[in-house]
Amino acid sequence: MAPTRCLHLGDSWQADVQGARAAGLTLLWISPQPADTPPRPATVPRYPTVRDLLQLLPPYTRTS
């Protein structure tokens, strides 16, 4: 499978985001910090909590 077809969720900028980008993975950064700390490329989506990711799921997968 191509790395771009994989989704990596991570909460560490250095260990997760930078590593996933270097490997060519699609990624989502989970961080309660303000979006500009640390500065991030616009191509790195940031969500404050895992719960906030529910908005990405199709409606039929939601439980409430």
N, C-alpha and C. Protein backbone atom coordinates (compact mmCIF):
# COMPACT_ATOMS: atom_id res chain seq x y z
N MET A 1 0.85 -1.17 0.00
CA MET A 1 0.00 0.00 0.00
C MET A 1 0.90 1.24 0.00
N ALA A 2 0.52 2.22 -0.78
CA ALA A 2 1.28 3.47 -0.86
C ALA A 2 1.14 4.25 0.46
N PRO A 3 2.21 4.89 0.91
CA PRO A 3 2.15 5.66 2.16
C PRO A 3 1.05 6.71 2.16
N THR A 4 0.77 7.31 1.01
CA THR A 4 -0.25 8.36 0.95
C THR A 4 -1.66 7.81 1.19
N ARG A 5 -1.82 6.50 1.13
CA ARG A 5 -3.13 5.88 1.39
C ARG A 5 -3.31 5.54 2.86
N CYS A 6 -2.31 5.82 3.68
CA CYS A 6 -2.37 5.56 5.12
C CYS A 6 -2.66 6.86 5.86
N LEU A 7 -3.41 6.78 6.93
CA LEU A 7 -3.70 7.94 7.76
C LEU A 7 -3.03 7.73 9.12
N HIS A 8 -2.23 8.70 9.51
CA HIS A 8 -1.54 8.63 10.80
C HIS A 8 -2.13 9.70 11.71
N LEU A 9 -2.57 9.31 12.91
CA LEU A 9 -3.02 10.25 13.93
C LEU A 9 -1.92 10.35 14.97
N GLY A 10 -1.53 11.55 15.30
CA GLY A 10 -0.46 11.70 16.29
C GLY A 10 -0.63 12.95 17.13
N ASP A 11 -0.06 12.91 18.33
CA ASP A 11 -0.16 14.06 19.22
C ASP A 11 1.19 14.72 19.49
N SER A 12 2.25 14.15 18.99
CA SER A 12 3.58 14.73 19.18
C SER A 12 4.05 15.34 17.86
N TRP A 13 4.35 16.64 17.89
CA TRP A 13 4.82 17.29 16.67
C TRP A 13 6.08 16.62 16.15
N GLN A 14 7.04 16.42 17.02
CA GLN A 14 8.33 15.88 16.59
C GLN A 14 8.25 14.40 16.24
N ALA A 15 7.69 13.60 17.11
CA ALA A 15 7.68 12.14 16.89
C ALA A 15 6.63 11.70 15.87
N ASP A 16 5.48 12.32 15.88
CA ASP A 16 4.38 11.88 15.02
C ASP A 16 4.30 12.67 13.71
N VAL A 17 4.13 13.97 13.82
CA VAL A 17 3.90 14.79 12.63
C VAL A 17 5.13 14.78 11.72
N GLN A 18 6.27 15.09 12.26
CA GLN A 18 7.47 15.14 11.42
C GLN A 18 7.82 13.76 10.86
N GLY A 19 7.64 12.73 11.65
CA GLY A 19 7.92 11.38 11.18
C GLY A 19 6.96 10.94 10.08
N ALA A 20 5.67 11.22 10.26
CA ALA A 20 4.67 10.85 9.26
C ALA A 20 4.89 11.61 7.95
N ARG A 21 5.21 12.89 8.06
CA ARG A 21 5.47 13.69 6.86
C ARG A 21 6.70 13.15 6.13
N ALA A 22 7.73 12.80 6.86
CA ALA A 22 8.95 12.28 6.25
C ALA A 22 8.68 10.95 5.54
N ALA A 23 7.75 10.17 6.07
CA ALA A 23 7.42 8.87 5.47
C ALA A 23 6.40 8.99 4.34
N GLY A 24 5.86 10.20 4.13
CA GLY A 24 4.88 10.40 3.06
C GLY A 24 3.46 10.02 3.42
N LEU A 25 3.19 9.88 4.73
CA LEU A 25 1.84 9.51 5.18
C LEU A 25 0.92 10.72 5.23
N THR A 26 -0.37 10.47 5.08
CA THR A 26 -1.38 11.49 5.35
C THR A 26 -1.51 11.54 6.86
N LEU A 27 -1.62 12.73 7.43
CA LEU A 27 -1.63 12.79 8.89
C LEU A 27 -2.63 13.80 9.42
N LEU A 28 -3.02 13.59 10.66
CA LEU A 28 -3.82 14.51 11.44
C LEU A 28 -3.12 14.69 12.78
N TRP A 29 -2.95 15.93 13.18
CA TRP A 29 -2.26 16.24 14.43
C TRP A 29 -3.31 16.52 15.50
N ILE A 30 -3.23 15.80 16.61
CA ILE A 30 -4.13 15.98 17.75
C ILE A 30 -3.37 16.80 18.78
N SER A 31 -3.79 18.06 18.97
CA SER A 31 -3.07 18.92 19.90
C SER A 31 -3.99 19.99 20.46
N PRO A 32 -4.11 20.06 21.79
CA PRO A 32 -4.94 21.10 22.39
C PRO A 32 -4.28 22.47 22.35
N GLN A 33 -3.04 22.54 21.93
CA GLN A 33 -2.32 23.82 21.87
C GLN A 33 -2.91 24.71 20.79
N PRO A 34 -2.72 26.02 20.90
CA PRO A 34 -3.15 26.90 19.82
C PRO A 34 -2.52 26.45 18.50
N ALA A 35 -3.24 26.64 17.42
CA ALA A 35 -2.80 26.16 16.11
C ALA A 35 -1.47 26.74 15.67
N ASP A 36 -1.05 27.86 16.22
CA ASP A 36 0.21 28.45 15.79
C ASP A 36 1.37 28.08 16.70
N THR A 37 1.19 27.11 17.60
CA THR A 37 2.26 26.68 18.50
C THR A 37 2.47 25.19 18.39
N PRO A 38 3.49 24.66 17.79
CA PRO A 38 4.48 25.38 16.99
C PRO A 38 3.90 25.78 15.64
N PRO A 39 4.58 26.68 14.95
CA PRO A 39 4.09 27.03 13.61
C PRO A 39 4.00 25.77 12.76
N ARG A 40 2.95 25.64 12.00
CA ARG A 40 2.75 24.43 11.21
C ARG A 40 2.37 24.79 9.79
N PRO A 41 2.73 23.93 8.85
CA PRO A 41 2.30 24.16 7.48
C PRO A 41 0.78 24.01 7.38
N ALA A 42 0.18 24.72 6.46
CA ALA A 42 -1.27 24.65 6.26
C ALA A 42 -1.72 23.26 5.87
N THR A 43 -0.80 22.44 5.38
CA THR A 43 -1.15 21.07 4.96
C THR A 43 -1.25 20.09 6.13
N VAL A 44 -0.96 20.56 7.34
CA VAL A 44 -1.06 19.69 8.53
C VAL A 44 -2.30 20.08 9.31
N PRO A 45 -3.39 19.31 9.17
CA PRO A 45 -4.60 19.63 9.92
C PRO A 45 -4.41 19.34 11.41
N ARG A 46 -4.93 20.24 12.25
CA ARG A 46 -4.81 20.08 13.70
C ARG A 46 -6.20 20.05 14.31
N TYR A 47 -6.40 19.09 15.21
CA TYR A 47 -7.66 18.97 15.95
C TYR A 47 -7.31 18.98 17.43
N PRO A 48 -8.08 19.70 18.26
CA PRO A 48 -7.77 19.79 19.68
C PRO A 48 -7.86 18.45 20.41
N THR A 49 -8.83 17.60 20.04
CA THR A 49 -8.99 16.31 20.71
C THR A 49 -9.39 15.25 19.69
N VAL A 50 -9.24 14.01 20.06
CA VAL A 50 -9.67 12.90 19.19
C VAL A 50 -11.18 13.00 18.95
N ARG A 51 -11.91 13.43 19.95
CA ARG A 51 -13.36 13.57 19.82
C ARG A 51 -13.73 14.52 18.67
N ASP A 52 -12.92 15.54 18.44
CA ASP A 52 -13.17 16.49 17.36
C ASP A 52 -13.08 15.84 15.98
N LEU A 53 -12.45 14.68 15.90
CA LEU A 53 -12.33 13.99 14.62
C LEU A 53 -13.65 13.38 14.16
N LEU A 54 -14.63 13.26 15.05
CA LEU A 54 -15.91 12.68 14.69
C LEU A 54 -16.58 13.42 13.54
N GLN A 55 -16.29 14.69 13.40
CA GLN A 55 -16.88 15.46 12.31
C GLN A 55 -16.41 14.97 10.94
N LEU A 56 -15.34 14.21 10.90
CA LEU A 56 -14.83 13.68 9.64
C LEU A 56 -15.53 12.41 9.21
N LEU A 57 -16.23 11.76 10.15
CA LEU A 57 -16.87 10.47 9.86
C LEU A 57 -18.20 10.67 9.13
N PRO A 58 -18.54 9.74 8.27
CA PRO A 58 -19.86 9.83 7.61
C PRO A 58 -20.97 9.79 8.65
N PRO A 59 -22.09 10.44 8.38
CA PRO A 59 -23.19 10.51 9.36
C PRO A 59 -23.68 9.15 9.86
N TYR A 60 -23.66 8.13 9.03
CA TYR A 60 -24.18 6.82 9.45
C TYR A 60 -23.29 6.11 10.45
N THR A 61 -22.09 6.59 10.71
CA THR A 61 -21.21 5.97 11.69
C THR A 61 -21.33 6.63 13.07
N ARG A 62 -22.03 7.73 13.17
CA ARG A 62 -22.16 8.46 14.43
C ARG A 62 -23.19 7.79 15.31
N THR A 63 -22.95 7.82 16.61
CA THR A 63 -23.88 7.19 17.55
C THR A 63 -24.81 8.20 18.21
N SER A 64 -24.51 9.49 18.10
CA SER A 64 -25.43 10.49 18.67
C SER A 64 -25.33 11.79 17.91
